[in-house]
Amino acid sequence: MAEDKEKMEEFSTEEAVKEAVENAEEMTEATEADTTQAEGNSEEQVSEKEAKKVFKKKEKKKDKRDEQIEQLNDRVMRQMAEFENFRRRTEAEKSQMFSMGAKNIIEKILPVVDNFERGLATVEEGADPFADGMLMIYKQLLTTLDEAGVKPIEAVGQEFNPDFHNAVMHVEDEEVGENIVVEEFQKGYMFGDSVVRHSMVKVAN
């Protein structure tokens, strides 16, 4: 019985040792697995961080390019606006210069028209072939001025307007309304919407 008891104790001791070894191995494997998983997780975290860094770098690079594109677009738009303003300003200046030059020439032609009218006022139409020729030239001159945009200012019978008329005489006349032009001494003319020469007139009342 003693031998059997000793064998039983040895057997139980061996089993305990084996069980302890197996438990130790399982714990070692579990630790290694956890370590491997942790390393894998850390590697994944590192790779994600690196990916984020690369993406951010790309975003930064893209942002810089977008900023450059926006700056270039803004510069182009500004230059186009400046060119458009310059074109409009140049056209306005050209138009103004043309109008000033035309008015200057018209002012020099008007005294010739005045002399035609004074000379033809003393001659009856049809009485002299030479006078008839001068009358035809006078009418042609007026037609040319009219086609160029030169129009005479209406004066006699119109209400006095300082924008178009230059009053040099004043008369009291009960038969005429107040502030009415009764006589024109020198005809006035307009070129387009601007006055080239004011009408020299006599105003009643």
Protein backbone atom coordinates (compact mmCIF):
# COMPACT_ATOMS: atom_id res chain seq x y z
CA MET A 1 0.00 0.00 0.00
CA ALA A 2 2.85 2.35 0.72
CA GLU A 3 4.34 1.73 -2.72
CA ASP A 4 1.00 2.36 -4.35
CA LYS A 5 0.71 5.58 -2.40
CA GLU A 6 4.17 6.73 -3.51
CA LYS A 7 3.35 5.87 -7.13
CA MET A 8 0.13 7.84 -6.83
CA GLU A 9 2.03 10.87 -5.46
CA GLU A 10 4.67 10.68 -8.21
CA PHE A 11 2.01 10.40 -10.85
CA SER A 12 0.10 13.38 -9.47
CA THR A 13 3.34 15.38 -9.25
CA GLU A 14 4.19 14.66 -12.88
CA GLU A 15 0.71 15.62 -13.99
CA ALA A 16 0.95 18.83 -12.03
CA VAL A 17 4.30 19.64 -13.62
CA LYS A 18 2.93 18.91 -17.11
CA GLU A 19 -0.13 20.99 -16.44
CA ALA A 20 2.01 23.86 -15.18
CA VAL A 21 4.24 23.63 -18.26
CA GLU A 22 1.21 23.59 -20.54
CA ASN A 23 -0.30 26.57 -18.76
CA ALA A 24 3.01 28.41 -19.04
CA GLU A 25 3.21 27.68 -22.77
CA GLU A 26 -0.38 28.84 -23.31
CA MET A 27 0.33 32.04 -21.41
CA THR A 28 3.49 32.58 -23.47
CA GLU A 29 1.58 32.06 -26.73
CA ALA A 30 -1.20 34.39 -25.61
CA THR A 31 1.35 37.03 -24.65
CA GLU A 32 3.11 36.70 -27.99
CA ALA A 33 -0.24 36.92 -29.82
CA ASP A 34 -1.16 40.05 -27.87
CA THR A 35 2.25 41.52 -28.58
CA THR A 36 1.90 40.74 -32.30
CA GLN A 37 -1.57 42.21 -32.38
CA ALA A 38 -0.39 45.30 -30.54
CA GLU A 39 2.49 45.70 -32.95
CA GLY A 40 0.08 45.29 -35.86
CA ASN A 41 -2.26 47.85 -34.39
CA SER A 42 0.61 50.26 -33.80
CA GLU A 43 1.82 49.73 -37.37
CA GLU A 44 -1.69 50.39 -38.65
CA GLN A 45 -1.86 53.55 -36.54
CA VAL A 46 1.51 54.69 -37.86
CA SER A 47 0.47 53.98 -41.44
CA GLU A 48 -2.80 55.90 -40.91
CA LYS A 49 -0.89 58.86 -39.49
CA GLU A 50 1.54 58.79 -42.40
CA ALA A 51 -1.38 58.59 -44.85
CA LYS A 52 -3.00 61.57 -43.14
CA LYS A 53 0.25 63.50 -43.32
CA VAL A 54 0.63 62.72 -47.03
CA PHE A 55 -3.01 63.68 -47.67
CA LYS A 56 -2.54 66.91 -45.75
CA LYS A 57 0.58 67.67 -47.74
CA LYS A 58 -1.34 67.04 -50.96
CA GLU A 59 -4.14 69.23 -49.71
CA LYS A 60 -1.68 71.98 -48.86
CA LYS A 61 -0.08 71.70 -52.29
CA LYS A 62 -3.53 71.75 -53.90
CA ASP A 63 -4.52 74.77 -51.85
CA LYS A 64 -1.41 76.66 -52.97
CA ARG A 65 -2.18 75.86 -56.59
CA ASP A 66 -5.78 76.95 -56.13
CA GLU A 67 -4.60 80.19 -54.56
CA GLN A 68 -2.23 80.82 -57.47
CA ILE A 69 -5.03 80.10 -59.94
CA GLU A 70 -7.37 82.47 -58.09
CA GLN A 71 -4.70 85.16 -58.01
CA LEU A 72 -4.06 84.78 -61.74
CA ASN A 73 -7.79 84.84 -62.50
CA ASP A 74 -8.21 87.95 -60.36
CA ARG A 75 -5.28 89.62 -62.11
CA VAL A 76 -6.69 88.77 -65.54
CA MET A 77 -10.14 90.06 -64.59
CA ARG A 78 -8.65 93.31 -63.27
CA GLN A 79 -6.62 93.79 -66.45
CA MET A 80 -9.69 93.13 -68.58
CA ALA A 81 -11.69 95.67 -66.56
CA GLU A 82 -8.90 98.23 -66.87
CA PHE A 83 -8.68 97.64 -70.62
CA GLU A 84 -12.47 98.02 -70.97
CA ASN A 85 -12.37 101.29 -69.01
CA PHE A 86 -9.46 102.49 -71.13
CA ARG A 87 -11.34 101.61 -74.33
CA ARG A 88 -14.47 103.45 -73.22
CA ARG A 89 -12.47 106.45 -72.05
CA THR A 90 -10.58 106.55 -75.37
CA GLU A 91 -13.80 106.34 -77.38
CA ALA A 92 -15.34 109.14 -75.30
CA GLU A 93 -12.24 111.30 -75.78
CA LYS A 94 -12.25 110.63 -79.53
CA SER A 95 -15.93 111.54 -79.76
CA GLN A 96 -15.35 114.69 -77.72
CA MET A 97 -12.38 115.70 -79.86
CA PHE A 98 -14.38 115.10 -83.06
CA SER A 99 -17.27 117.16 -81.71
CA MET A 100 -14.94 120.01 -80.72
CA GLY A 101 -13.23 119.95 -84.13
CA ALA A 102 -16.57 119.90 -85.97
CA LYS A 103 -17.92 122.79 -83.88
CA ASN A 104 -14.76 124.79 -84.57
CA ILE A 105 -15.17 124.34 -88.35
CA ILE A 106 -18.91 125.11 -88.21
CA GLU A 107 -18.22 128.34 -86.30
CA LYS A 108 -15.89 129.41 -89.12
CA ILE A 109 -18.45 128.53 -91.83
CA LEU A 110 -21.39 130.35 -90.20
CA PRO A 111 -20.11 133.87 -91.06
CA VAL A 112 -20.05 132.79 -94.73
CA VAL A 113 -23.69 131.73 -94.41
CA ASP A 114 -24.49 135.12 -92.81
CA ASN A 115 -22.91 136.97 -95.74
CA PHE A 116 -24.88 134.88 -98.24
CA GLU A 117 -28.10 135.81 -96.44
CA ARG A 118 -27.26 139.52 -96.31
CA GLY A 119 -26.34 139.61 -100.01
CA LEU A 120 -29.40 137.61 -101.15
CA ALA A 121 -31.74 139.76 -99.00
CA THR A 122 -31.11 142.72 -101.34
CA VAL A 123 -31.84 140.80 -104.54
CA GLU A 124 -35.18 139.50 -105.82
CA GLU A 125 -35.30 135.90 -106.89
CA GLY A 126 -35.31 135.53 -110.70
CA ALA A 127 -34.22 139.12 -111.36
CA ASP A 128 -30.55 138.31 -111.89
CA PRO A 129 -29.07 135.03 -113.16
CA PHE A 130 -25.94 135.59 -111.07
CA ALA A 131 -28.01 136.11 -107.91
CA ASP A 132 -29.98 132.97 -108.74
CA GLY A 133 -26.68 131.05 -108.95
CA MET A 134 -25.62 132.41 -105.56
CA LEU A 135 -28.99 131.39 -104.14
CA MET A 136 -28.50 127.85 -105.40
CA ILE A 137 -25.04 127.72 -103.79
CA TYR A 138 -26.49 129.06 -100.53
CA LYS A 139 -29.21 126.39 -100.49
CA GLN A 140 -26.62 123.69 -101.24
CA LEU A 141 -24.51 124.94 -98.34
CA LEU A 142 -27.49 124.81 -95.95
CA THR A 143 -28.32 121.28 -97.15
CA THR A 144 -24.76 120.14 -96.52
CA LEU A 145 -24.78 121.63 -93.02
CA ASP A 146 -28.13 120.00 -92.29
CA GLU A 147 -26.81 116.58 -93.38
CA ALA A 148 -23.81 117.11 -91.08
CA GLY A 149 -26.14 117.65 -88.12
CA VAL A 150 -26.19 121.45 -88.05
CA LYS A 151 -29.69 122.86 -87.40
CA PRO A 152 -30.86 126.47 -87.08
CA ILE A 153 -32.36 127.52 -83.73
CA GLU A 154 -36.00 128.65 -83.85
CA ALA A 155 -36.31 132.09 -82.39
CA VAL A 156 -39.08 134.44 -83.63
CA GLY A 157 -42.37 133.68 -81.90
CA GLN A 158 -40.73 131.39 -79.36
CA GLU A 159 -40.45 132.01 -75.64
CA PHE A 160 -37.08 133.39 -74.69
CA ASN A 161 -34.68 130.68 -73.51
CA PRO A 162 -31.20 131.74 -72.34
CA ASP A 163 -29.88 128.31 -73.31
CA PHE A 164 -30.53 129.10 -77.00
CA HIS A 165 -31.13 132.85 -77.24
CA ASN A 166 -29.02 135.91 -76.53
CA ALA A 167 -31.24 138.92 -75.82
CA VAL A 168 -29.65 142.20 -76.97
CA MET A 169 -32.82 144.34 -77.03
CA HIS A 170 -36.03 144.59 -75.04
CA VAL A 171 -39.32 146.13 -76.14
CA GLU A 172 -42.80 146.61 -74.68
CA ASP A 173 -45.53 145.29 -76.97
CA GLU A 174 -49.08 144.61 -75.80
CA GLU A 175 -49.86 142.56 -78.90
CA VAL A 176 -47.21 139.96 -77.97
CA GLY A 177 -47.09 137.70 -74.94
CA GLU A 178 -44.63 138.05 -72.10
CA ASN A 179 -41.00 137.09 -72.68
CA ILE A 180 -41.52 136.31 -76.38
CA VAL A 181 -38.85 136.76 -79.09
CA VAL A 182 -40.14 139.28 -81.65
CA GLU A 183 -37.07 139.75 -83.84
CA GLU A 184 -33.88 137.89 -84.74
CA PHE A 185 -30.73 139.84 -85.57
CA GLN A 186 -28.42 136.87 -86.06
CA LYS A 187 -29.46 133.26 -86.57
CA GLY A 188 -28.25 130.71 -84.08
CA TYR A 189 -27.24 127.11 -84.83
CA MET A 190 -26.91 123.81 -83.02
CA PHE A 191 -24.64 120.86 -83.74
CA GLY A 192 -26.30 117.74 -82.40
CA ASP A 193 -27.37 118.57 -78.83
CA SER A 194 -24.91 121.42 -78.29
CA VAL A 195 -25.25 125.07 -79.21
CA VAL A 196 -22.67 126.30 -81.71
CA ARG A 197 -23.95 129.89 -81.71
CA HIS A 198 -26.79 131.50 -79.76
CA SER A 199 -29.48 133.42 -81.62
CA MET A 200 -29.15 137.21 -81.21
CA VAL A 201 -32.72 138.40 -80.54
CA LYS A 202 -35.11 141.13 -79.38
CA VAL A 203 -37.48 140.16 -76.56
CA ALA A 204 -40.89 141.66 -75.81
CA ASN A 205 -42.33 142.42 -72.38
